[in-house]
Amino acid sequence: MRASVGDQLLVHGRIVGQHDRIAQIIEVLGADGGPPFRVRFEDGHEAIMSPGPDAVVRHPPGRQE
């Protein structure tokens, strides 16, 4: 999984009733665009994440991996 600052991280809910969460990637801490990432969620909460298989990186339109 590779990302750049400005990409979104979509974390799928893992249990029934849990909604997907979207976070903005604000810093890439790993080598060559890899995890961990510093992210900011829609509610303003920031975290450092090493996403698992329940997450997907979304690139802005016009930019491909």
N, C-alpha and C. Protein backbone atom coordinates (compact mmCIF):
# COMPACT_ATOMS: atom_id res chain seq x y z
N MET A 1 0.85 -1.16 0.00
CA MET A 1 0.00 0.00 0.00
C MET A 1 0.90 1.24 0.00
N ARG A 2 0.71 2.08 -1.00
CA ARG A 2 1.50 3.30 -1.11
C ARG A 2 0.55 4.50 -1.15
N ALA A 3 0.99 5.59 -0.55
CA ALA A 3 0.16 6.79 -0.50
C ALA A 3 1.04 8.03 -0.53
N SER A 4 0.40 9.16 -0.78
CA SER A 4 1.04 10.47 -0.75
C SER A 4 0.20 11.39 0.12
N VAL A 5 0.80 12.47 0.57
CA VAL A 5 0.06 13.48 1.33
C VAL A 5 -1.08 13.97 0.44
N GLY A 6 -2.27 14.04 1.01
CA GLY A 6 -3.44 14.48 0.26
C GLY A 6 -4.35 13.33 -0.17
N ASP A 7 -3.84 12.11 -0.16
CA ASP A 7 -4.67 10.95 -0.46
C ASP A 7 -5.62 10.72 0.71
N GLN A 8 -6.65 9.91 0.46
CA GLN A 8 -7.57 9.53 1.51
C GLN A 8 -7.36 8.07 1.87
N LEU A 9 -7.58 7.77 3.13
CA LEU A 9 -7.54 6.39 3.61
C LEU A 9 -8.97 6.02 4.00
N LEU A 10 -9.52 5.04 3.31
CA LEU A 10 -10.86 4.55 3.59
C LEU A 10 -10.72 3.28 4.41
N VAL A 11 -11.23 3.32 5.65
CA VAL A 11 -11.17 2.17 6.54
C VAL A 11 -12.57 1.60 6.65
N HIS A 12 -12.76 0.39 6.14
CA HIS A 12 -14.08 -0.25 6.14
C HIS A 12 -14.44 -0.71 7.55
N GLY A 13 -15.73 -0.61 7.88
CA GLY A 13 -16.22 -1.12 9.16
C GLY A 13 -16.01 -2.63 9.21
N ARG A 14 -15.60 -3.13 10.37
CA ARG A 14 -15.28 -4.56 10.49
C ARG A 14 -16.39 -5.39 11.10
N ILE A 15 -17.38 -4.73 11.67
CA ILE A 15 -18.50 -5.47 12.25
C ILE A 15 -19.81 -4.88 11.72
N VAL A 16 -20.87 -5.63 11.81
CA VAL A 16 -22.17 -5.17 11.34
C VAL A 16 -22.57 -3.91 12.09
N GLY A 17 -22.97 -2.89 11.36
CA GLY A 17 -23.40 -1.63 11.96
C GLY A 17 -22.30 -0.61 12.11
N GLN A 18 -21.06 -1.01 11.92
CA GLN A 18 -19.94 -0.06 12.02
C GLN A 18 -19.73 0.58 10.65
N HIS A 19 -19.75 1.89 10.60
CA HIS A 19 -19.62 2.61 9.34
C HIS A 19 -18.17 2.69 8.88
N ASP A 20 -17.99 2.88 7.58
CA ASP A 20 -16.66 3.15 7.04
C ASP A 20 -16.19 4.50 7.56
N ARG A 21 -14.88 4.64 7.71
CA ARG A 21 -14.30 5.91 8.14
C ARG A 21 -13.34 6.40 7.08
N ILE A 22 -13.34 7.70 6.84
CA ILE A 22 -12.44 8.29 5.85
C ILE A 22 -11.50 9.23 6.57
N ALA A 23 -10.21 9.10 6.26
CA ALA A 23 -9.19 9.96 6.86
C ALA A 23 -8.34 10.56 5.75
N GLN A 24 -7.89 11.77 5.95
CA GLN A 24 -6.98 12.45 5.03
C GLN A 24 -5.55 12.12 5.46
N ILE A 25 -4.72 11.70 4.53
CA ILE A 25 -3.31 11.43 4.86
C ILE A 25 -2.58 12.76 4.90
N ILE A 26 -2.03 13.08 6.06
CA ILE A 26 -1.35 14.37 6.22
C ILE A 26 0.17 14.22 6.31
N GLU A 27 0.65 12.98 6.50
CA GLU A 27 2.09 12.74 6.52
C GLU A 27 2.34 11.25 6.26
N VAL A 28 3.33 10.98 5.41
CA VAL A 28 3.73 9.60 5.14
C VAL A 28 5.03 9.37 5.89
N LEU A 29 5.02 8.43 6.83
CA LEU A 29 6.17 8.19 7.69
C LEU A 29 7.04 7.03 7.22
N GLY A 30 6.53 6.20 6.33
CA GLY A 30 7.27 5.04 5.84
C GLY A 30 8.11 5.38 4.62
N ALA A 31 8.96 4.44 4.25
CA ALA A 31 9.81 4.61 3.08
C ALA A 31 9.00 4.41 1.80
N ASP A 32 9.30 5.19 0.78
CA ASP A 32 8.70 5.06 -0.55
C ASP A 32 7.18 5.10 -0.54
N GLY A 33 6.58 5.92 0.31
CA GLY A 33 5.14 6.08 0.33
C GLY A 33 4.40 5.01 1.11
N GLY A 34 5.12 4.17 1.82
CA GLY A 34 4.48 3.09 2.57
C GLY A 34 4.10 3.52 3.98
N PRO A 35 3.35 2.67 4.67
CA PRO A 35 2.94 2.97 6.05
C PRO A 35 4.14 3.00 6.99
N PRO A 36 3.97 3.60 8.14
CA PRO A 36 2.76 4.17 8.72
C PRO A 36 2.45 5.56 8.14
N PHE A 37 1.18 5.95 8.32
CA PHE A 37 0.70 7.26 7.86
C PHE A 37 0.15 8.02 9.05
N ARG A 38 0.36 9.34 9.05
CA ARG A 38 -0.33 10.21 10.00
C ARG A 38 -1.59 10.66 9.27
N VAL A 39 -2.74 10.45 9.88
CA VAL A 39 -4.02 10.75 9.23
C VAL A 39 -4.87 11.64 10.13
N ARG A 40 -5.80 12.36 9.47
CA ARG A 40 -6.78 13.19 10.18
C ARG A 40 -8.17 12.74 9.74
N PHE A 41 -8.97 12.30 10.71
CA PHE A 41 -10.32 11.86 10.43
C PHE A 41 -11.26 13.06 10.31
N GLU A 42 -12.46 12.81 9.81
CA GLU A 42 -13.44 13.88 9.56
C GLU A 42 -13.80 14.66 10.82
N ASP A 43 -13.70 14.02 11.99
CA ASP A 43 -14.03 14.70 13.25
C ASP A 43 -12.85 15.49 13.82
N GLY A 44 -11.71 15.52 13.11
CA GLY A 44 -10.53 16.26 13.55
C GLY A 44 -9.52 15.42 14.30
N HIS A 45 -9.89 14.20 14.68
CA HIS A 45 -8.99 13.30 15.40
C HIS A 45 -7.82 12.92 14.50
N GLU A 46 -6.60 12.96 15.02
CA GLU A 46 -5.41 12.54 14.27
C GLU A 46 -4.84 11.28 14.89
N ALA A 47 -4.26 10.44 14.03
CA ALA A 47 -3.68 9.18 14.49
C ALA A 47 -2.56 8.77 13.55
N ILE A 48 -1.70 7.89 14.04
CA ILE A 48 -0.69 7.26 13.19
C ILE A 48 -1.19 5.84 12.95
N MET A 49 -1.30 5.47 11.67
CA MET A 49 -1.89 4.18 11.32
C MET A 49 -1.00 3.40 10.38
N SER A 50 -0.96 2.11 10.60
CA SER A 50 -0.41 1.15 9.65
C SER A 50 -1.60 0.30 9.22
N PRO A 51 -2.28 0.71 8.15
CA PRO A 51 -3.54 0.09 7.77
C PRO A 51 -3.42 -1.39 7.44
N GLY A 52 -4.48 -2.10 7.75
CA GLY A 52 -4.56 -3.53 7.46
C GLY A 52 -5.37 -3.78 6.20
N PRO A 53 -5.82 -5.01 6.01
CA PRO A 53 -6.54 -5.38 4.80
C PRO A 53 -7.95 -4.78 4.72
N ASP A 54 -8.41 -4.13 5.79
CA ASP A 54 -9.72 -3.50 5.78
C ASP A 54 -9.65 -2.04 5.35
N ALA A 55 -8.51 -1.60 4.81
CA ALA A 55 -8.32 -0.21 4.40
C ALA A 55 -7.86 -0.12 2.95
N VAL A 56 -8.23 1.01 2.31
CA VAL A 56 -7.88 1.26 0.91
C VAL A 56 -7.43 2.71 0.79
N VAL A 57 -6.40 2.95 -0.02
CA VAL A 57 -5.95 4.30 -0.30
C VAL A 57 -6.69 4.80 -1.54
N ARG A 58 -7.27 5.98 -1.43
CA ARG A 58 -7.93 6.63 -2.57
C ARG A 58 -7.07 7.81 -2.99
N HIS A 59 -6.71 7.82 -4.27
CA HIS A 59 -5.91 8.92 -4.81
C HIS A 59 -6.84 9.98 -5.39
N PRO A 60 -6.45 11.26 -5.35
CA PRO A 60 -7.27 12.30 -5.95
C PRO A 60 -7.43 12.06 -7.45
N PRO A 61 -8.52 12.55 -8.04
CA PRO A 61 -8.72 12.38 -9.50
C PRO A 61 -7.53 12.92 -10.28
N GLY A 62 -7.11 12.20 -11.27
CA GLY A 62 -5.99 12.63 -12.11
C GLY A 62 -4.64 12.12 -11.66
N ARG A 63 -4.55 11.56 -10.45
CA ARG A 63 -3.28 11.01 -9.98
C ARG A 63 -3.44 9.51 -9.78
N GLN A 64 -2.58 8.76 -10.41
CA GLN A 64 -2.62 7.32 -10.29
C GLN A 64 -1.39 6.83 -9.55
N GLU A 65 -1.48 5.66 -8.97
CA GLU A 65 -0.36 5.03 -8.24
C GLU A 65 0.76 4.73 -9.21
